Amino acid sequence: MLRAVETYDRAQLKDYDILVDGVVVHSRSYQRAEGGVGALSYQVLVDRADLTADGKVRVRFQEDAEGRNYDPSIADVWSLPVTTG
């Protein structure tokens, strides 16, 4: 599981991909309606054990190639283990 804190400075649309070791694991699109500065937290389940098998990953928050909307502005990110049971 990835948990991220994303910052905002106005009402805006942010859309981007989250990649783990170069593989898109989630596409995020969020329209913030509030004006002014703020932050929001969200979580993404990365259901790809093959990407984490060696215990190391590289996570990238990548905006679309055309740069149509605002950048991800990630303030912090954590990885959390997920247990089944």
C-alpha atoms as a PDB file:
ATOM      1  CA  MET A   1       0.000   0.000   0.000  1.00  0.00           C
ATOM      2  CA  LEU A   2       1.229   3.498  -0.801  1.00  0.00           C
ATOM      3  CA  ARG A   3      -0.013   6.443   1.257  1.00  0.00           C
ATOM      4  CA  ALA A   4       0.655   9.918  -0.105  1.00  0.00           C
ATOM      5  CA  VAL A   5       0.068  13.502   0.958  1.00  0.00           C
ATOM      6  CA  GLU A   6      -0.595  15.832  -1.950  1.00  0.00           C
ATOM      7  CA  THR A   7      -0.507  19.635  -1.632  1.00  0.00           C
ATOM      8  CA  TYR A   8      -2.590  22.261  -3.394  1.00  0.00           C
ATOM      9  CA  ASP A   9      -2.407  26.029  -3.744  1.00  0.00           C
ATOM     10  CA  ARG A  10      -5.801  26.571  -5.442  1.00  0.00           C
ATOM     11  CA  ALA A  11      -8.734  24.749  -6.988  1.00  0.00           C
ATOM     12  CA  GLN A  12      -7.188  22.579  -9.713  1.00  0.00           C
ATOM     13  CA  LEU A  13      -7.228  19.288 -11.571  1.00  0.00           C
ATOM     14  CA  LYS A  14      -4.304  16.948 -11.093  1.00  0.00           C
ATOM     15  CA  ASP A  15      -3.995  13.782 -13.116  1.00  0.00           C
ATOM     16  CA  TYR A  16      -0.952  11.565 -13.257  1.00  0.00           C
ATOM     17  CA  ASP A  17       0.279   7.982 -13.140  1.00  0.00           C
ATOM     18  CA  ILE A  18       1.910   6.258 -10.200  1.00  0.00           C
ATOM     19  CA  LEU A  19       4.657   3.924 -11.344  1.00  0.00           C
ATOM     20  CA  VAL A  20       6.480   1.265  -9.359  1.00  0.00           C
ATOM     21  CA  ASP A  21       9.726   0.146 -10.977  1.00  0.00           C
ATOM     22  CA  GLY A  22       8.525   1.641 -14.263  1.00  0.00           C
ATOM     23  CA  VAL A  23       5.122  -0.080 -14.256  1.00  0.00           C
ATOM     24  CA  VAL A  24       1.908   1.955 -13.956  1.00  0.00           C
ATOM     25  CA  VAL A  25       0.109   0.676 -10.856  1.00  0.00           C
ATOM     26  CA  HIS A  26      -2.488   3.453 -10.591  1.00  0.00           C
ATOM     27  CA  SER A  27      -3.770   6.384 -12.640  1.00  0.00           C
ATOM     28  CA  ARG A  28      -4.990   9.215 -10.454  1.00  0.00           C
ATOM     29  CA  SER A  29      -7.270  12.076 -11.415  1.00  0.00           C
ATOM     30  CA  TYR A  30      -8.555  14.454  -8.752  1.00  0.00           C
ATOM     31  CA  GLN A  31     -10.369  17.755  -9.152  1.00  0.00           C
ATOM     32  CA  ARG A  32     -10.045  19.933  -6.046  1.00  0.00           C
ATOM     33  CA  ALA A  33     -12.902  22.416  -5.829  1.00  0.00           C
ATOM     34  CA  GLU A  34     -11.709  24.429  -2.793  1.00  0.00           C
ATOM     35  CA  GLY A  35      -9.585  27.509  -3.307  1.00  0.00           C
ATOM     36  CA  GLY A  36      -6.482  28.364  -1.292  1.00  0.00           C
ATOM     37  CA  VAL A  37      -3.749  26.143   0.066  1.00  0.00           C
ATOM     38  CA  GLY A  38      -4.434  22.697   1.405  1.00  0.00           C
ATOM     39  CA  ALA A  39      -3.411  19.076   1.467  1.00  0.00           C
ATOM     40  CA  LEU A  40      -5.081  15.727   1.136  1.00  0.00           C
ATOM     41  CA  SER A  41      -4.005  12.166   1.907  1.00  0.00           C
ATOM     42  CA  TYR A  42      -4.879   9.121  -0.132  1.00  0.00           C
ATOM     43  CA  GLN A  43      -3.913   5.456  -0.363  1.00  0.00           C
ATOM     44  CA  VAL A  44      -3.314   3.166  -3.327  1.00  0.00           C
ATOM     45  CA  LEU A  45      -3.158  -0.614  -3.149  1.00  0.00           C
ATOM     46  CA  VAL A  46      -0.243  -1.951  -5.187  1.00  0.00           C
ATOM     47  CA  ASP A  47      -1.359  -5.487  -5.932  1.00  0.00           C
ATOM     48  CA  ARG A  48       1.811  -6.540  -7.717  1.00  0.00           C
ATOM     49  CA  ALA A  49       3.935  -8.831  -5.558  1.00  0.00           C
ATOM     50  CA  ASP A  50       6.275  -9.386  -8.514  1.00  0.00           C
ATOM     51  CA  LEU A  51       7.362  -5.742  -8.326  1.00  0.00           C
ATOM     52  CA  THR A  52       8.302  -5.959  -4.656  1.00  0.00           C
ATOM     53  CA  ALA A  53       9.908  -9.409  -4.623  1.00  0.00           C
ATOM     54  CA  ASP A  54      13.451  -8.079  -4.070  1.00  0.00           C
ATOM     55  CA  GLY A  55      12.332  -5.784  -1.235  1.00  0.00           C
ATOM     56  CA  LYS A  56      13.231  -2.581  -3.120  1.00  0.00           C
ATOM     57  CA  VAL A  57      11.167  -0.424  -5.453  1.00  0.00           C
ATOM     58  CA  ARG A  58      11.318   2.976  -7.066  1.00  0.00           C
ATOM     59  CA  VAL A  59       8.070   4.943  -6.971  1.00  0.00           C
ATOM     60  CA  ARG A  60       7.436   7.736  -9.468  1.00  0.00           C
ATOM     61  CA  PHE A  61       4.494  10.151  -9.636  1.00  0.00           C
ATOM     62  CA  GLN A  62       4.500  11.144 -13.297  1.00  0.00           C
ATOM     63  CA  GLU A  63       2.260  13.751 -14.907  1.00  0.00           C
ATOM     64  CA  ASP A  64       1.016  13.160 -18.437  1.00  0.00           C
ATOM     65  CA  ALA A  65       3.462  13.805 -21.252  1.00  0.00           C
ATOM     66  CA  GLU A  66       1.415  16.735 -22.538  1.00  0.00           C
ATOM     67  CA  GLY A  67       1.523  18.566 -19.188  1.00  0.00           C
ATOM     68  CA  ARG A  68      -2.178  19.441 -19.474  1.00  0.00           C
ATOM     69  CA  ASN A  69      -2.867  19.773 -15.767  1.00  0.00           C
ATOM     70  CA  TYR A  70      -1.037  20.517 -12.545  1.00  0.00           C
ATOM     71  CA  ASP A  71       1.909  18.463 -11.283  1.00  0.00           C
ATOM     72  CA  PRO A  72       1.450  15.884  -8.504  1.00  0.00           C
ATOM     73  CA  SER A  73       3.027  18.038  -5.706  1.00  0.00           C
ATOM     74  CA  ILE A  74       3.610  15.094  -3.395  1.00  0.00           C
ATOM     75  CA  ALA A  75       4.703  16.259   0.063  1.00  0.00           C
ATOM     76  CA  ASP A  76       5.250  12.826   1.602  1.00  0.00           C
ATOM     77  CA  VAL A  77       4.798   9.159   0.768  1.00  0.00           C
ATOM     78  CA  TRP A  78       4.911   5.955   2.822  1.00  0.00           C
ATOM     79  CA  SER A  79       4.841   2.303   1.925  1.00  0.00           C
ATOM     80  CA  LEU A  80       2.767   0.099   4.172  1.00  0.00           C
ATOM     81  CA  PRO A  81       2.560  -3.699   4.283  1.00  0.00           C
ATOM     82  CA  VAL A  82      -0.787  -5.277   3.527  1.00  0.00           C
ATOM     83  CA  THR A  83      -1.762  -8.486   5.273  1.00  0.00           C
ATOM     84  CA  THR A  84      -4.523 -10.823   4.237  1.00  0.00           C
ATOM     85  CA  GLY A  85      -6.511 -12.849   6.597  1.00  0.00           C
END
